[in-house]
Amino acid sequence: MSKICQITGKRAMVGNNVSHSNKKTKRVFNVNLFTKKFYWVEEDVWVRLKLSAAGLRTINKIGLDAALKSAAQKRLIKL
């Protein structure tokens, strides 16, 4: 899974660069992704996730266990 957040499902989008003369060329808007390790207390394991900044805020808000379960329901990760 490259360039996809494993919690929120955000992925790269395609758009246009627009020059001063209004000439348009294709470009990619990448997601702000980084890899982070979390200790999952309920399963007693370390989990490495590829997250966006929004995914990290989601984990901080609802907790790692709830975020992983919701991501598994959306079929973003396998538990």
Protein backbone atom coordinates (compact mmCIF):
# COMPACT_ATOMS: atom_id res chain seq x y z
CA MET A 1 0.00 0.00 0.00
CA SER A 2 1.89 3.00 -1.20
CA LYS A 3 0.84 6.61 -0.61
CA ILE A 4 -2.37 5.61 1.21
CA CYS A 5 -3.07 6.36 4.86
CA GLN A 6 -3.92 3.11 6.64
CA ILE A 7 -6.30 4.81 9.10
CA THR A 8 -8.21 7.41 7.07
CA GLY A 9 -7.79 5.99 3.56
CA LYS A 10 -6.52 9.29 2.16
CA ARG A 11 -4.59 8.86 -1.08
CA ALA A 12 -2.82 10.97 -3.71
CA MET A 13 -5.03 13.13 -5.92
CA VAL A 14 -4.44 14.40 -9.46
CA GLY A 15 -4.90 18.01 -10.49
CA ASN A 16 -3.46 20.74 -12.67
CA ASN A 17 -0.58 23.18 -12.42
CA VAL A 18 -1.92 26.43 -13.87
CA SER A 19 0.64 28.87 -15.21
CA HIS A 20 0.32 32.65 -15.50
CA SER A 21 -0.72 32.20 -19.15
CA ASN A 22 -3.42 29.75 -17.95
CA LYS A 23 -1.60 26.76 -19.48
CA LYS A 24 -2.48 23.57 -17.57
CA THR A 25 -0.20 20.59 -16.90
CA LYS A 26 -0.96 17.54 -14.78
CA ARG A 27 0.45 17.20 -11.28
CA VAL A 28 -0.01 14.99 -8.21
CA PHE A 29 -1.12 16.19 -4.79
CA ASN A 30 0.54 13.70 -2.43
CA VAL A 31 -0.67 12.96 1.08
CA ASN A 32 1.41 14.04 4.10
CA LEU A 33 2.44 10.46 4.99
CA PHE A 34 4.94 9.15 7.51
CA THR A 35 5.63 5.81 9.18
CA LYS A 36 5.08 5.50 12.92
CA LYS A 37 5.26 2.65 15.41
CA PHE A 38 2.58 2.28 18.10
CA TYR A 39 2.36 -0.11 21.02
CA TRP A 40 -1.05 -1.81 20.90
CA VAL A 41 -1.74 -2.67 24.55
CA GLU A 42 -4.80 -4.88 23.94
CA GLU A 43 -2.83 -7.26 21.69
CA ASP A 44 0.57 -6.74 23.40
CA VAL A 45 2.34 -6.05 20.08
CA TRP A 46 4.07 -3.19 18.27
CA VAL A 47 2.25 -1.99 15.13
CA ARG A 48 3.91 -0.03 12.32
CA LEU A 49 1.47 2.16 10.39
CA LYS A 50 1.79 4.46 7.41
CA LEU A 51 -0.22 7.50 8.52
CA SER A 52 -1.25 10.92 7.36
CA ALA A 53 -1.33 13.83 9.79
CA ALA A 54 -5.13 13.45 9.95
CA GLY A 55 -4.73 9.76 10.79
CA LEU A 56 -2.44 10.60 13.69
CA ARG A 57 -4.99 13.09 15.03
CA THR A 58 -7.68 10.40 14.71
CA ILE A 59 -5.59 8.00 16.81
CA ASN A 60 -5.01 10.71 19.41
CA LYS A 61 -8.73 11.45 19.55
CA ILE A 62 -10.38 8.01 19.63
CA GLY A 63 -7.45 5.75 20.59
CA LEU A 64 -5.38 3.19 18.75
CA ASP A 65 -7.72 0.23 19.31
CA ALA A 66 -10.82 2.02 18.01
CA ALA A 67 -8.92 3.51 15.05
CA LEU A 68 -7.54 0.11 14.00
CA LYS A 69 -10.97 -1.52 14.29
CA SER A 70 -12.62 1.19 12.18
CA ALA A 71 -9.84 0.91 9.58
CA ALA A 72 -10.36 -2.86 9.47
CA GLN A 73 -14.09 -2.35 8.88
CA LYS A 74 -13.26 -0.03 5.97
CA ARG A 75 -10.88 -2.77 4.70
CA LEU A 76 -7.87 -0.47 4.86
CA ILE A 77 -5.88 -2.91 7.02
CA LYS A 78 -6.12 -6.57 8.05
CA LEU A 79 -6.19 -7.46 11.76
